[in-house]
Amino acid sequence: MADPYKTPDAYVDTGGPQSKLKWKILFWVILTLEVISFFSMYFYPDDEGILYHILELWIYTTILTGIFGYAYNRKILNPTFWRRFIPVGICWDIYTLYRAFISQEQEIAPEYLVIWIGALLAIFLPIVFLQYYAIYKYSFKSDDIWQKNTDK
């Protein structure tokens, strides 16, 4: 007779690693936006200077690399690099946002400034938050990626 106090054994198949389809979509959306941004910097030059554009290209290429590594479960560099890179990227985005706000404040009417700030809060900040959240998860919460066997 079976023990009535023993819990039943059940096999639950989780289907392997979690699908990161949403992170892959985010990667491709940000990549598309950055390509458009880089082309606009090339075809519509502004007074930012070459150093600004080189830093923008380097920082966002690095951010996209981190999102790619997380979304596609790839080891790129090491977790310590990504942990230290998050504040660099955040400071760069704050600096870029500040420069954009200062330049827009002088060029557009105050009533349109409200629309600009609303668009910023509705579109820009969620994307920026998600990109740094992906890099955070990649560097701090993805032990399965960093511990993977590389002998495939």
Protein backbone atom coordinates (compact mmCIF):
# COMPACT_ATOMS: atom_id res chain seq x y z
CA MET A 1 0.00 0.00 0.00
CA ALA A 2 1.23 3.48 -0.86
CA ASP A 3 2.13 5.93 1.88
CA PRO A 4 -0.71 8.53 1.99
CA TYR A 5 1.59 11.10 3.61
CA LYS A 6 4.22 11.05 0.90
CA THR A 7 3.96 13.68 -1.81
CA PRO A 8 3.70 12.34 -5.34
CA ASP A 9 6.69 12.48 -7.62
CA ALA A 10 6.15 14.41 -10.81
CA TYR A 11 8.43 15.17 -13.69
CA VAL A 12 8.05 18.70 -14.95
CA ASP A 13 9.78 19.60 -18.20
CA THR A 14 10.61 23.28 -18.26
CA GLY A 15 11.61 23.17 -21.91
CA GLY A 16 15.23 24.14 -21.34
CA PRO A 17 16.50 27.69 -20.97
CA GLN A 18 13.99 30.49 -20.88
CA SER A 19 13.18 32.06 -24.20
CA LYS A 20 14.47 35.58 -24.49
CA LEU A 21 12.39 36.58 -27.50
CA LYS A 22 11.43 39.92 -25.96
CA TRP A 23 15.09 40.76 -25.32
CA LYS A 24 15.95 39.80 -28.89
CA ILE A 25 13.21 42.11 -30.16
CA LEU A 26 14.51 44.89 -27.92
CA PHE A 27 18.03 44.35 -29.29
CA TRP A 28 16.82 44.68 -32.89
CA VAL A 29 14.69 47.74 -32.10
CA ILE A 30 17.60 49.52 -30.40
CA LEU A 31 19.97 48.47 -33.18
CA THR A 32 17.60 49.95 -35.78
CA LEU A 33 17.24 53.18 -33.83
CA GLU A 34 21.00 53.48 -33.42
CA VAL A 35 21.67 52.87 -37.12
CA ILE A 36 19.17 55.61 -37.96
CA SER A 37 20.82 57.87 -35.38
CA PHE A 38 24.31 57.24 -36.76
CA PHE A 39 23.19 57.89 -40.33
CA SER A 40 21.50 61.10 -39.25
CA MET A 41 24.73 62.20 -37.54
CA TYR A 42 26.58 61.54 -40.79
CA PHE A 43 24.10 63.11 -43.23
CA TYR A 44 22.95 65.96 -40.99
CA PRO A 45 26.06 67.08 -39.15
CA ASP A 46 25.72 69.32 -36.15
CA ASP A 47 28.11 71.25 -33.98
CA GLU A 48 28.73 68.39 -31.54
CA GLY A 49 32.22 67.65 -32.81
CA ILE A 50 33.97 64.51 -33.91
CA LEU A 51 34.91 63.39 -30.38
CA TYR A 52 31.24 63.39 -29.34
CA HIS A 53 30.31 61.20 -32.32
CA ILE A 54 33.17 58.78 -31.70
CA LEU A 55 32.16 58.40 -28.05
CA GLU A 56 28.51 57.96 -29.02
CA LEU A 57 29.45 55.25 -31.50
CA TRP A 58 31.72 53.46 -29.02
CA ILE A 59 29.34 53.60 -26.05
CA TYR A 60 26.25 52.50 -27.96
CA THR A 61 28.11 49.78 -29.81
CA THR A 62 29.19 48.47 -26.41
CA ILE A 63 25.64 48.71 -25.05
CA LEU A 64 24.28 46.85 -28.06
CA THR A 65 26.97 44.21 -27.63
CA GLY A 66 25.89 43.66 -24.02
CA ILE A 67 22.22 43.39 -24.98
CA PHE A 68 23.14 40.96 -27.75
CA GLY A 69 25.15 38.84 -25.32
CA TYR A 70 22.24 38.67 -22.90
CA ALA A 71 19.52 38.08 -25.49
CA TYR A 72 21.44 35.37 -27.34
CA ASN A 73 23.15 33.78 -24.30
CA ARG A 74 26.69 34.57 -25.42
CA LYS A 75 29.73 35.22 -23.26
CA ILE A 76 31.23 38.54 -24.30
CA LEU A 77 34.13 39.84 -22.21
CA ASN A 78 33.28 39.17 -18.55
CA PRO A 79 30.63 40.15 -15.97
CA THR A 80 32.99 42.58 -14.22
CA PHE A 81 33.36 44.63 -17.39
CA TRP A 82 29.58 44.91 -17.79
CA ARG A 83 29.10 45.81 -14.12
CA ARG A 84 31.57 48.65 -14.49
CA PHE A 85 30.19 49.74 -17.85
CA ILE A 86 26.62 50.36 -16.64
CA PRO A 87 27.48 53.66 -14.82
CA VAL A 88 29.50 54.82 -17.83
CA GLY A 89 26.53 54.32 -20.13
CA ILE A 90 24.10 55.96 -17.72
CA CYS A 91 26.37 59.00 -17.32
CA TRP A 92 26.68 59.25 -21.10
CA ASP A 93 22.90 59.14 -21.54
CA ILE A 94 22.40 61.81 -18.88
CA TYR A 95 25.01 63.99 -20.58
CA THR A 96 23.41 63.46 -24.01
CA LEU A 97 19.96 64.17 -22.63
CA TYR A 98 21.20 67.34 -20.95
CA ARG A 99 22.80 68.57 -24.20
CA ALA A 100 19.65 67.78 -26.18
CA PHE A 101 17.45 69.53 -23.63
CA ILE A 102 19.62 72.66 -23.59
CA SER A 103 19.70 72.87 -27.40
CA GLN A 104 15.93 72.26 -27.72
CA GLU A 105 15.06 74.71 -24.97
CA GLN A 106 16.46 77.61 -26.98
CA GLU A 107 15.01 76.55 -30.34
CA ILE A 108 11.38 75.65 -29.65
CA ALA A 109 8.46 77.40 -28.04
CA PRO A 110 7.61 76.51 -24.43
CA GLU A 111 4.31 74.84 -25.37
CA TYR A 112 6.18 72.44 -27.67
CA LEU A 113 8.77 71.83 -24.98
CA VAL A 114 6.06 70.08 -22.98
CA ILE A 115 5.41 67.77 -25.94
CA TRP A 116 9.16 67.12 -26.26
CA ILE A 117 9.42 66.23 -22.57
CA GLY A 118 6.31 64.02 -22.81
CA ALA A 119 7.78 62.13 -25.77
CA LEU A 120 11.01 61.79 -23.85
CA LEU A 121 9.25 60.27 -20.85
CA ALA A 122 7.01 58.01 -22.94
CA ILE A 123 9.54 56.69 -25.49
CA PHE A 124 13.15 57.40 -24.60
CA LEU A 125 13.25 56.57 -20.89
CA PRO A 126 11.55 53.14 -21.13
CA ILE A 127 13.96 52.05 -23.86
CA VAL A 128 16.96 53.34 -21.92
CA PHE A 129 15.74 51.65 -18.75
CA LEU A 130 15.25 48.33 -20.55
CA GLN A 131 18.69 48.43 -22.16
CA TYR A 132 20.42 48.96 -18.82
CA TYR A 133 18.17 46.38 -17.18
CA ALA A 134 19.28 43.86 -19.82
CA ILE A 135 22.94 44.65 -19.15
CA TYR A 136 22.29 44.45 -15.40
CA LYS A 137 20.71 41.02 -15.80
CA TYR A 138 23.55 39.99 -18.10
CA SER A 139 26.26 40.96 -15.61
CA PHE A 140 24.62 40.15 -12.27
CA LYS A 141 21.89 37.57 -12.84
CA SER A 142 23.09 35.36 -15.71
CA ASP A 143 25.27 32.78 -14.05
CA ASP A 144 23.98 30.22 -16.56
CA ILE A 145 25.60 32.19 -19.39
CA TRP A 146 28.93 32.76 -17.64
CA GLN A 147 29.21 29.19 -16.35
CA LYS A 148 28.39 27.57 -19.71
CA ASN A 149 30.83 25.01 -21.00
CA THR A 150 32.68 26.38 -24.02
CA ASP A 151 33.67 22.95 -25.43
CA LYS A 152 30.84 22.68 -27.95
